[in-house]
Amino acid sequence: MPDDDTPSSSDMKSHLQTLLDNKEKQLQQAATLGQQVLAQKTELDKRIRQLKELEGEKSDDGQVDEVARERYRELADTLVSWDKENAQLSSAFWSLKV
């Protein structure tokens, strides 16, 4: 005689399918996050190269010109924005119920 607390075969299959679906969503979000971070790294490498070029063109007194300062500010703002985006995507990734 089956125990009333024992889940049915149908219940177990449904639960396992839910777990599988959630893992698929996690995998998709992890891939998205990975692609996003890779694109950010590529962009950061490019901007660092540009800043190094600007520094190579600095004036005789060793001062970084206003263009370079503005690029540094823009890069700092971009990094803050990327961190927020990544945190948002990461939190969505970890919030999936398993």
PDB file of N, CA and C in Angstrom:
ATOM      1  N   MET A   1       0.832  -1.174   0.000  1.00  0.00           N
ATOM      2  CA  MET A   1       0.000   0.000   0.000  1.00  0.00           C
ATOM      3  C   MET A   1       0.885   1.249   0.000  1.00  0.00           C
ATOM      4  N   PRO A   2       0.747   2.178  -0.981  1.00  0.00           N
ATOM      5  CA  PRO A   2       1.594   3.354  -1.087  1.00  0.00           C
ATOM      6  C   PRO A   2       1.376   4.303   0.078  1.00  0.00           C
ATOM      7  N   ASP A   3       2.448   4.907   0.507  1.00  0.00           N
ATOM      8  CA  ASP A   3       2.420   5.900   1.571  1.00  0.00           C
ATOM      9  C   ASP A   3       1.872   7.204   0.988  1.00  0.00           C
ATOM     10  N   ASP A   4       1.012   7.902   1.702  1.00  0.00           N
ATOM     11  CA  ASP A   4       0.405   9.144   1.212  1.00  0.00           C
ATOM     12  C   ASP A   4       1.436  10.256   1.016  1.00  0.00           C
ATOM     13  N   ASP A   5       2.563  10.171   1.711  1.00  0.00           N
ATOM     14  CA  ASP A   5       3.601  11.187   1.589  1.00  0.00           C
ATOM     15  C   ASP A   5       4.547  10.926   0.421  1.00  0.00           C
ATOM     16  N   THR A   6       4.478   9.780  -0.175  1.00  0.00           N
ATOM     17  CA  THR A   6       5.355   9.426  -1.277  1.00  0.00           C
ATOM     18  C   THR A   6       4.825  10.067  -2.554  1.00  0.00           C
ATOM     19  N   PRO A   7       5.680  10.843  -3.239  1.00  0.00           N
ATOM     20  CA  PRO A   7       5.218  11.470  -4.479  1.00  0.00           C
ATOM     21  C   PRO A   7       4.983  10.425  -5.563  1.00  0.00           C
ATOM     22  N   SER A   8       4.036  10.727  -6.405  1.00  0.00           N
ATOM     23  CA  SER A   8       3.747   9.813  -7.511  1.00  0.00           C
ATOM     24  C   SER A   8       4.843   9.911  -8.569  1.00  0.00           C
ATOM     25  N   SER A   9       4.867   8.945  -9.436  1.00  0.00           N
ATOM     26  CA  SER A   9       5.820   8.939 -10.534  1.00  0.00           C
ATOM     27  C   SER A   9       5.648  10.194 -11.391  1.00  0.00           C
ATOM     28  N   SER A  10       4.425  10.579 -11.610  1.00  0.00           N
ATOM     29  CA  SER A  10       4.125  11.776 -12.395  1.00  0.00           C
ATOM     30  C   SER A  10       4.667  13.028 -11.703  1.00  0.00           C
ATOM     31  N   ASP A  11       4.494  13.108 -10.372  1.00  0.00           N
ATOM     32  CA  ASP A  11       5.008  14.245  -9.605  1.00  0.00           C
ATOM     33  C   ASP A  11       6.531  14.321  -9.690  1.00  0.00           C
ATOM     34  N   MET A  12       7.179  13.172  -9.581  1.00  0.00           N
ATOM     35  CA  MET A  12       8.642  13.141  -9.637  1.00  0.00           C
ATOM     36  C   MET A  12       9.135  13.554 -11.018  1.00  0.00           C
ATOM     37  N   LYS A  13       8.471  13.079 -12.072  1.00  0.00           N
ATOM     38  CA  LYS A  13       8.863  13.445 -13.430  1.00  0.00           C
ATOM     39  C   LYS A  13       8.676  14.945 -13.653  1.00  0.00           C
ATOM     40  N   SER A  14       7.594  15.477 -13.154  1.00  0.00           N
ATOM     41  CA  SER A  14       7.325  16.906 -13.286  1.00  0.00           C
ATOM     42  C   SER A  14       8.387  17.723 -12.551  1.00  0.00           C
ATOM     43  N   HIS A  15       8.736  17.278 -11.346  1.00  0.00           N
ATOM     44  CA  HIS A  15       9.746  17.964 -10.553  1.00  0.00           C
ATOM     45  C   HIS A  15      11.113  17.917 -11.264  1.00  0.00           C
ATOM     46  N   LEU A  16      11.467  16.769 -11.781  1.00  0.00           N
ATOM     47  CA  LEU A  16      12.735  16.626 -12.490  1.00  0.00           C
ATOM     48  C   LEU A  16      12.767  17.490 -13.753  1.00  0.00           C
ATOM     49  N   GLN A  17      11.636  17.584 -14.449  1.00  0.00           N
ATOM     50  CA  GLN A  17      11.584  18.429 -15.640  1.00  0.00           C
ATOM     51  C   GLN A  17      11.759  19.899 -15.257  1.00  0.00           C
ATOM     52  N   THR A  18      11.165  20.305 -14.152  1.00  0.00           N
ATOM     53  CA  THR A  18      11.323  21.678 -13.657  1.00  0.00           C
ATOM     54  C   THR A  18      12.790  21.957 -13.331  1.00  0.00           C
ATOM     55  N   LEU A  19      13.444  20.997 -12.670  1.00  0.00           N
ATOM     56  CA  LEU A  19      14.865  21.155 -12.357  1.00  0.00           C
ATOM     57  C   LEU A  19      15.693  21.283 -13.631  1.00  0.00           C
ATOM     58  N   LEU A  20      15.392  20.455 -14.603  1.00  0.00           N
ATOM     59  CA  LEU A  20      16.098  20.488 -15.884  1.00  0.00           C
ATOM     60  C   LEU A  20      15.875  21.830 -16.596  1.00  0.00           C
ATOM     61  N   ASP A  21      14.643  22.311 -16.601  1.00  0.00           N
ATOM     62  CA  ASP A  21      14.331  23.606 -17.230  1.00  0.00           C
ATOM     63  C   ASP A  21      15.092  24.740 -16.547  1.00  0.00           C
ATOM     64  N   ASN A  22      15.146  24.699 -15.217  1.00  0.00           N
ATOM     65  CA  ASN A  22      15.869  25.734 -14.479  1.00  0.00           C
ATOM     66  C   ASN A  22      17.370  25.689 -14.762  1.00  0.00           C
ATOM     67  N   LYS A  23      17.915  24.506 -14.884  1.00  0.00           N
ATOM     68  CA  LYS A  23      19.334  24.378 -15.210  1.00  0.00           C
ATOM     69  C   LYS A  23      19.608  24.935 -16.604  1.00  0.00           C
ATOM     70  N   GLU A  24      18.698  24.698 -17.525  1.00  0.00           N
ATOM     71  CA  GLU A  24      18.843  25.237 -18.879  1.00  0.00           C
ATOM     72  C   GLU A  24      18.837  26.768 -18.837  1.00  0.00           C
ATOM     73  N   LYS A  25      17.949  27.354 -18.056  1.00  0.00           N
ATOM     74  CA  LYS A  25      17.906  28.813 -17.919  1.00  0.00           C
ATOM     75  C   LYS A  25      19.202  29.329 -17.307  1.00  0.00           C
ATOM     76  N   GLN A  26      19.711  28.638 -16.281  1.00  0.00           N
ATOM     77  CA  GLN A  26      20.970  29.042 -15.667  1.00  0.00           C
ATOM     78  C   GLN A  26      22.107  28.984 -16.689  1.00  0.00           C
ATOM     79  N   LEU A  27      22.130  27.948 -17.476  1.00  0.00           N
ATOM     80  CA  LEU A  27      23.158  27.788 -18.490  1.00  0.00           C
ATOM     81  C   LEU A  27      23.096  28.920 -19.511  1.00  0.00           C
ATOM     82  N   GLN A  28      21.898  29.273 -19.937  1.00  0.00           N
ATOM     83  CA  GLN A  28      21.737  30.359 -20.897  1.00  0.00           C
ATOM     84  C   GLN A  28      22.190  31.685 -20.301  1.00  0.00           C
ATOM     85  N   GLN A  29      21.830  31.935 -19.034  1.00  0.00           N
ATOM     86  CA  GLN A  29      22.236  33.177 -18.391  1.00  0.00           C
ATOM     87  C   GLN A  29      23.744  33.208 -18.155  1.00  0.00           C
ATOM     88  N   ALA A  30      24.329  32.078 -17.814  1.00  0.00           N
ATOM     89  CA  ALA A  30      25.773  32.014 -17.624  1.00  0.00           C
ATOM     90  C   ALA A  30      26.485  32.304 -18.951  1.00  0.00           C
ATOM     91  N   ALA A  31      25.961  31.775 -20.038  1.00  0.00           N
ATOM     92  CA  ALA A  31      26.544  32.023 -21.357  1.00  0.00           C
ATOM     93  C   ALA A  31      26.432  33.501 -21.720  1.00  0.00           C
ATOM     94  N   THR A  32      25.293  34.082 -21.436  1.00  0.00           N
ATOM     95  CA  THR A  32      25.090  35.507 -21.709  1.00  0.00           C
ATOM     96  C   THR A  32      26.068  36.348 -20.899  1.00  0.00           C
ATOM     97  N   LEU A  33      26.206  36.025 -19.621  1.00  0.00           N
ATOM     98  CA  LEU A  33      27.142  36.749 -18.768  1.00  0.00           C
ATOM     99  C   LEU A  33      28.573  36.586 -19.283  1.00  0.00           C
ATOM    100  N   GLY A  34      28.933  35.386 -19.658  1.00  0.00           N
ATOM    101  CA  GLY A  34      30.270  35.141 -20.189  1.00  0.00           C
ATOM    102  C   GLY A  34      30.543  35.939 -21.454  1.00  0.00           C
ATOM    103  N   GLN A  35      29.582  35.965 -22.349  1.00  0.00           N
ATOM    104  CA  GLN A  35      29.740  36.725 -23.594  1.00  0.00           C
ATOM    105  C   GLN A  35      29.845  38.221 -23.305  1.00  0.00           C
ATOM    106  N   GLN A  36      29.051  38.681 -22.351  1.00  0.00           N
ATOM    107  CA  GLN A  36      29.057  40.090 -21.981  1.00  0.00           C
ATOM    108  C   GLN A  36      30.413  40.477 -21.384  1.00  0.00           C
ATOM    109  N   VAL A  37      30.934  39.659 -20.491  1.00  0.00           N
ATOM    110  CA  VAL A  37      32.225  39.954 -19.856  1.00  0.00           C
ATOM    111  C   VAL A  37      33.346  39.904 -20.895  1.00  0.00           C
ATOM    112  N   LEU A  38      33.282  38.959 -21.819  1.00  0.00           N
ATOM    113  CA  LEU A  38      34.290  38.874 -22.868  1.00  0.00           C
ATOM    114  C   LEU A  38      34.262  40.121 -23.752  1.00  0.00           C
ATOM    115  N   ALA A  39      33.087  40.585 -24.114  1.00  0.00           N
ATOM    116  CA  ALA A  39      32.962  41.807 -24.920  1.00  0.00           C
ATOM    117  C   ALA A  39      33.495  43.013 -24.143  1.00  0.00           C
ATOM    118  N   GLN A  40      33.227  43.055 -22.846  1.00  0.00           N
ATOM    119  CA  GLN A  40      33.729  44.148 -22.014  1.00  0.00           C
ATOM    120  C   GLN A  40      35.255  44.123 -21.945  1.00  0.00           C
ATOM    121  N   LYS A  41      35.824  42.938 -21.827  1.00  0.00           N
ATOM    122  CA  LYS A  41      37.285  42.820 -21.769  1.00  0.00           C
ATOM    123  C   LYS A  41      37.907  43.307 -23.072  1.00  0.00           C
ATOM    124  N   THR A  42      37.312  42.917 -24.190  1.00  0.00           N
ATOM    125  CA  THR A  42      37.809  43.346 -25.490  1.00  0.00           C
ATOM    126  C   THR A  42      37.756  44.868 -25.609  1.00  0.00           C
ATOM    127  N   GLU A  43      36.648  45.442 -25.196  1.00  0.00           N
ATOM    128  CA  GLU A  43      36.484  46.900 -25.227  1.00  0.00           C
ATOM    129  C   GLU A  43      37.484  47.576 -24.281  1.00  0.00           C
ATOM    130  N   LEU A  44      37.674  47.007 -23.109  1.00  0.00           N
ATOM    131  CA  LEU A  44      38.616  47.575 -22.147  1.00  0.00           C
ATOM    132  C   LEU A  44      40.042  47.528 -22.697  1.00  0.00           C
ATOM    133  N   ASP A  45      40.437  46.415 -23.295  1.00  0.00           N
ATOM    134  CA  ASP A  45      41.765  46.304 -23.912  1.00  0.00           C
ATOM    135  C   ASP A  45      41.963  47.403 -24.965  1.00  0.00           C
ATOM    136  N   LYS A  46      40.944  47.610 -25.786  1.00  0.00           N
ATOM    137  CA  LYS A  46      41.015  48.616 -26.842  1.00  0.00           C
ATOM    138  C   LYS A  46      41.187  50.011 -26.244  1.00  0.00           C
ATOM    139  N   ARG A  47      40.406  50.310 -25.216  1.00  0.00           N
ATOM    140  CA  ARG A  47      40.484  51.642 -24.606  1.00  0.00           C
ATOM    141  C   ARG A  47      41.808  51.863 -23.880  1.00  0.00           C
ATOM    142  N   ILE A  48      42.332  50.830 -23.276  1.00  0.00           N
ATOM    143  CA  ILE A  48      43.630  50.954 -22.604  1.00  0.00           C
ATOM    144  C   ILE A  48      44.716  51.247 -23.628  1.00  0.00           C
ATOM    145  N   ARG A  49      44.669  50.566 -24.765  1.00  0.00           N
ATOM    146  CA  ARG A  49      45.638  50.840 -25.836  1.00  0.00           C
ATOM    147  C   ARG A  49      45.542  52.298 -26.295  1.00  0.00           C
ATOM    148  N   GLN A  50      44.313  52.775 -26.437  1.00  0.00           N
ATOM    149  CA  GLN A  50      44.118  54.167 -26.863  1.00  0.00           C
ATOM    150  C   GLN A  50      44.678  55.139 -25.824  1.00  0.00           C
ATOM    151  N   LEU A  51      44.452  54.838 -24.551  1.00  0.00           N
ATOM    152  CA  LEU A  51      44.973  55.710 -23.492  1.00  0.00           C
ATOM    153  C   LEU A  51      46.501  55.694 -23.470  1.00  0.00           C
ATOM    154  N   LYS A  52      47.090  54.541 -23.689  1.00  0.00           N
ATOM    155  CA  LYS A  52      48.553  54.459 -23.729  1.00  0.00           C
ATOM    156  C   LYS A  52      49.097  55.281 -24.894  1.00  0.00           C
ATOM    157  N   GLU A  53      48.393  55.246 -26.015  1.00  0.00           N
ATOM    158  CA  GLU A  53      48.810  56.058 -27.162  1.00  0.00           C
ATOM    159  C   GLU A  53      48.735  57.540 -26.819  1.00  0.00           C
ATOM    160  N   LEU A  54      47.665  57.934 -26.142  1.00  0.00           N
ATOM    161  CA  LEU A  54      47.525  59.331 -25.733  1.00  0.00           C
ATOM    162  C   LEU A  54      48.632  59.733 -24.760  1.00  0.00           C
ATOM    163  N   GLU A  55      48.955  58.838 -23.844  1.00  0.00           N
ATOM    164  CA  GLU A  55      50.018  59.133 -22.888  1.00  0.00           C
ATOM    165  C   GLU A  55      51.358  59.284 -23.600  1.00  0.00           C
ATOM    166  N   GLY A  56      51.563  58.526 -24.652  1.00  0.00           N
ATOM    167  CA  GLY A  56      52.783  58.639 -25.441  1.00  0.00           C
ATOM    168  C   GLY A  56      52.892  59.982 -26.140  1.00  0.00           C
ATOM    169  N   GLU A  57      51.756  60.634 -26.312  1.00  0.00           N
ATOM    170  CA  GLU A  57      51.714  61.940 -26.975  1.00  0.00           C
ATOM    171  C   GLU A  57      51.649  63.097 -25.983  1.00  0.00           C
ATOM    172  N   LYS A  58      51.883  62.841 -24.700  1.00  0.00           N
ATOM    173  CA  LYS A  58      51.736  63.901 -23.688  1.00  0.00           C
ATOM    174  C   LYS A  58      52.763  65.004 -23.904  1.00  0.00           C
ATOM    175  N   SER A  59      52.485  66.123 -23.332  1.00  0.00           N
ATOM    176  CA  SER A  59      53.326  67.304 -23.525  1.00  0.00           C
ATOM    177  C   SER A  59      54.680  67.145 -22.842  1.00  0.00           C
ATOM    178  N   ASP A  60      55.570  68.067 -23.141  1.00  0.00           N
ATOM    179  CA  ASP A  60      56.926  68.020 -22.603  1.00  0.00           C
ATOM    180  C   ASP A  60      56.969  68.108 -21.082  1.00  0.00           C
ATOM    181  N   ASP A  61      55.997  68.764 -20.485  1.00  0.00           N
ATOM    182  CA  ASP A  61      56.016  68.904 -19.023  1.00  0.00           C
ATOM    183  C   ASP A  61      55.467  67.656 -18.319  1.00  0.00           C
ATOM    184  N   GLY A  62      55.128  66.613 -19.076  1.00  0.00           N
ATOM    185  CA  GLY A  62      54.682  65.353 -18.489  1.00  0.00           C
ATOM    186  C   GLY A  62      53.214  65.324 -18.104  1.00  0.00           C
ATOM    187  N   GLN A  63      52.498  66.370 -18.388  1.00  0.00           N
ATOM    188  CA  GLN A  63      51.079  66.428 -18.042  1.00  0.00           C
ATOM    189  C   GLN A  63      50.237  65.693 -19.083  1.00  0.00           C
ATOM    190  N   VAL A  64      49.268  64.943 -18.588  1.00  0.00           N
ATOM    191  CA  VAL A  64      48.329  64.276 -19.485  1.00  0.00           C
ATOM    192  C   VAL A  64      47.326  65.326 -19.931  1.00  0.00           C
ATOM    193  N   ASP A  65      47.089  65.401 -21.209  1.00  0.00           N
ATOM    194  CA  ASP A  65      46.212  66.460 -21.711  1.00  0.00           C
ATOM    195  C   ASP A  65      44.749  66.209 -21.365  1.00  0.00           C
ATOM    196  N   GLU A  66      43.954  67.188 -21.651  1.00  0.00           N
ATOM    197  CA  GLU A  66      42.528  67.151 -21.299  1.00  0.00           C
ATOM    198  C   GLU A  66      41.791  66.024 -22.014  1.00  0.00           C
ATOM    199  N   VAL A  67      42.185  65.718 -23.234  1.00  0.00           N
ATOM    200  CA  VAL A  67      41.539  64.620 -23.979  1.00  0.00           C
ATOM    201  C   VAL A  67      41.741  63.304 -23.234  1.00  0.00           C
ATOM    202  N   ALA A  68      42.967  63.068 -22.780  1.00  0.00           N
ATOM    203  CA  ALA A  68      43.246  61.832 -22.043  1.00  0.00           C
ATOM    204  C   ALA A  68      42.459  61.795 -20.732  1.00  0.00           C
ATOM    205  N   ARG A  69      42.407  62.931 -20.043  1.00  0.00           N
ATOM    206  CA  ARG A  69      41.629  62.986 -18.786  1.00  0.00           C
ATOM    207  C   ARG A  69      40.161  62.645 -19.027  1.00  0.00           C
ATOM    208  N   GLU A  70      39.623  63.193 -20.108  1.00  0.00           N
ATOM    209  CA  GLU A  70      38.217  62.922 -20.441  1.00  0.00           C
ATOM    210  C   GLU A  70      38.021  61.442 -20.776  1.00  0.00           C
ATOM    211  N   ARG A  71      38.952  60.853 -21.479  1.00  0.00           N
ATOM    212  CA  ARG A  71      38.861  59.421 -21.804  1.00  0.00           C
ATOM    213  C   ARG A  71      38.916  58.571 -20.533  1.00  0.00           C
ATOM    214  N   TYR A  72      39.773  58.960 -19.594  1.00  0.00           N
ATOM    215  CA  TYR A  72      39.836  58.250 -18.312  1.00  0.00           C
ATOM    216  C   TYR A  72      38.497  58.334 -17.577  1.00  0.00           C
ATOM    217  N   ARG A  73      37.907  59.534 -17.567  1.00  0.00           N
ATOM    218  CA  ARG A  73      36.597  59.701 -16.909  1.00  0.00           C
ATOM    219  C   ARG A  73      35.534  58.845 -17.588  1.00  0.00           C
ATOM    220  N   GLU A  74      35.524  58.864 -18.911  1.00  0.00           N
ATOM    221  CA  GLU A  74      34.558  58.049 -19.663  1.00  0.00           C
ATOM    222  C   GLU A  74      34.738  56.566 -19.362  1.00  0.00           C
ATOM    223  N   LEU A  75      35.990  56.137 -19.311  1.00  0.00           N
ATOM    224  CA  LEU A  75      36.269  54.733 -19.024  1.00  0.00           C
ATOM    225  C   LEU A  75      35.815  54.372 -17.609  1.00  0.00           C
ATOM    226  N   ALA A  76      36.062  55.255 -16.662  1.00  0.00           N
ATOM    227  CA  ALA A  76      35.621  54.999 -15.287  1.00  0.00           C
ATOM    228  C   ALA A  76      34.096  54.876 -15.229  1.00  0.00           C
ATOM    229  N   ASP A  77      33.395  55.760 -15.916  1.00  0.00           N
ATOM    230  CA  ASP A  77      31.924  55.694 -15.961  1.00  0.00           C
ATOM    231  C   ASP A  77      31.461  54.399 -16.612  1.00  0.00           C
ATOM    232  N   THR A  78      32.131  54.005 -17.681  1.00  0.00           N
ATOM    233  CA  THR A  78      31.778  52.766 -18.379  1.00  0.00           C
ATOM    234  C   THR A  78      31.981  51.561 -17.473  1.00  0.00           C
ATOM    235  N   LEU A  79      33.088  51.548 -16.739  1.00  0.00           N
ATOM    236  CA  LEU A  79      33.355  50.424 -15.832  1.00  0.00           C
ATOM    237  C   LEU A  79      32.285  50.314 -14.752  1.00  0.00           C
ATOM    238  N   VAL A  80      31.847  51.445 -14.219  1.00  0.00           N
ATOM    239  CA  VAL A  80      30.773  51.435 -13.216  1.00  0.00           C
ATOM    240  C   VAL A  80      29.497  50.875 -13.839  1.00  0.00           C
ATOM    241  N   SER A  81      29.196  51.308 -15.054  1.00  0.00           N
ATOM    242  CA  SER A  81      28.005  50.816 -15.757  1.00  0.00           C
ATOM    243  C   SER A  81      28.087  49.312 -16.000  1.00  0.00           C
ATOM    244  N   TRP A  82      29.255  48.839 -16.442  1.00  0.00           N
ATOM    245  CA  TRP A  82      29.444  47.406 -16.679  1.00  0.00           C
ATOM    246  C   TRP A  82      29.267  46.614 -15.390  1.00  0.00           C
ATOM    247  N   ASP A  83      29.826  47.118 -14.300  1.00  0.00           N
ATOM    248  CA  ASP A  83      29.689  46.421 -13.012  1.00  0.00           C
ATOM    249  C   ASP A  83      28.223  46.279 -12.617  1.00  0.00           C
ATOM    250  N   LYS A  84      27.446  47.336 -12.839  1.00  0.00           N
ATOM    251  CA  LYS A  84      26.013  47.283 -12.518  1.00  0.00           C
ATOM    252  C   LYS A  84      25.296  46.258 -13.397  1.00  0.00           C
ATOM    253  N   GLU A  85      25.591  46.280 -14.693  1.00  0.00           N
ATOM    254  CA  GLU A  85      24.964  45.328 -15.619  1.00  0.00           C
ATOM    255  C   GLU A  85      25.323  43.891 -15.243  1.00  0.00           C
ATOM    256  N   ASN A  86      26.600  43.677 -14.958  1.00  0.00           N
ATOM    257  CA  ASN A  86      27.053  42.333 -14.603  1.00  0.00           C
ATOM    258  C   ASN A  86      26.421  41.864 -13.296  1.00  0.00           C
ATOM    259  N   ALA A  87      26.318  42.758 -12.330  1.00  0.00           N
ATOM    260  CA  ALA A  87      25.703  42.400 -11.049  1.00  0.00           C
ATOM    261  C   ALA A  87      24.231  42.045 -11.246  1.00  0.00           C
ATOM    262  N   GLN A  88      23.562  42.810 -12.095  1.00  0.00           N
ATOM    263  CA  GLN A  88      22.147  42.548 -12.365  1.00  0.00           C
ATOM    264  C   GLN A  88      21.964  41.185 -13.028  1.00  0.00           C
ATOM    265  N   LEU A  89      22.785  40.896 -14.016  1.00  0.00           N
ATOM    266  CA  LEU A  89      22.684  39.611 -14.702  1.00  0.00           C
ATOM    267  C   LEU A  89      23.079  38.472 -13.771  1.00  0.00           C
ATOM    268  N   SER A  90      24.097  38.693 -12.954  1.00  0.00           N
ATOM    269  CA  SER A  90      24.527  37.669 -11.997  1.00  0.00           C
ATOM    270  C   SER A  90      23.454  37.381 -10.962  1.00  0.00           C
ATOM    271  N   SER A  91      22.797  38.428 -10.477  1.00  0.00           N
ATOM    272  CA  SER A  91      21.758  38.204  -9.469  1.00  0.00           C
ATOM    273  C   SER A  91      20.580  37.447 -10.066  1.00  0.00           C
ATOM    274  N   ALA A  92      20.259  37.729 -11.326  1.00  0.00           N
ATOM    275  CA  ALA A  92      19.187  36.976 -11.989  1.00  0.00           C
ATOM    276  C   ALA A  92      19.601  35.521 -12.149  1.00  0.00           C
ATOM    277  N   PHE A  93      20.867  35.311 -12.436  1.00  0.00           N
ATOM    278  CA  PHE A  93      21.397  33.958 -12.592  1.00  0.00           C
ATOM    279  C   PHE A  93      21.259  33.174 -11.290  1.00  0.00           C
ATOM    280  N   TRP A  94      21.646  33.771 -10.189  1.00  0.00           N
ATOM    281  CA  TRP A  94      21.635  33.054  -8.898  1.00  0.00           C
ATOM    282  C   TRP A  94      20.243  32.981  -8.279  1.00  0.00           C
ATOM    283  N   SER A  95      19.307  33.800  -8.768  1.00  0.00           N
ATOM    284  CA  SER A  95      17.978  33.785  -8.177  1.00  0.00           C
ATOM    285  C   SER A  95      17.087  32.670  -8.703  1.00  0.00           C
ATOM    286  N   LEU A  96      17.524  31.981  -9.736  1.00  0.00           N
ATOM    287  CA  LEU A  96      16.718  30.861 -10.255  1.00  0.00           C
ATOM    288  C   LEU A  96      16.594  29.771  -9.211  1.00  0.00           C
ATOM    289  N   LYS A  97      15.419  29.319  -9.021  1.00  0.00           N
ATOM    290  CA  LYS A  97      15.152  28.241  -8.050  1.00  0.00           C
ATOM    291  C   LYS A  97      15.578  26.900  -8.623  1.00  0.00           C
ATOM    292  N   VAL A  98      16.250  26.151  -7.814  1.00  0.00           N
ATOM    293  CA  VAL A  98      16.694  24.813  -8.246  1.00  0.00           C
ATOM    294  C   VAL A  98      15.840  23.774  -7.597  1.00  0.00           C
TER     295      VAL A  98
END
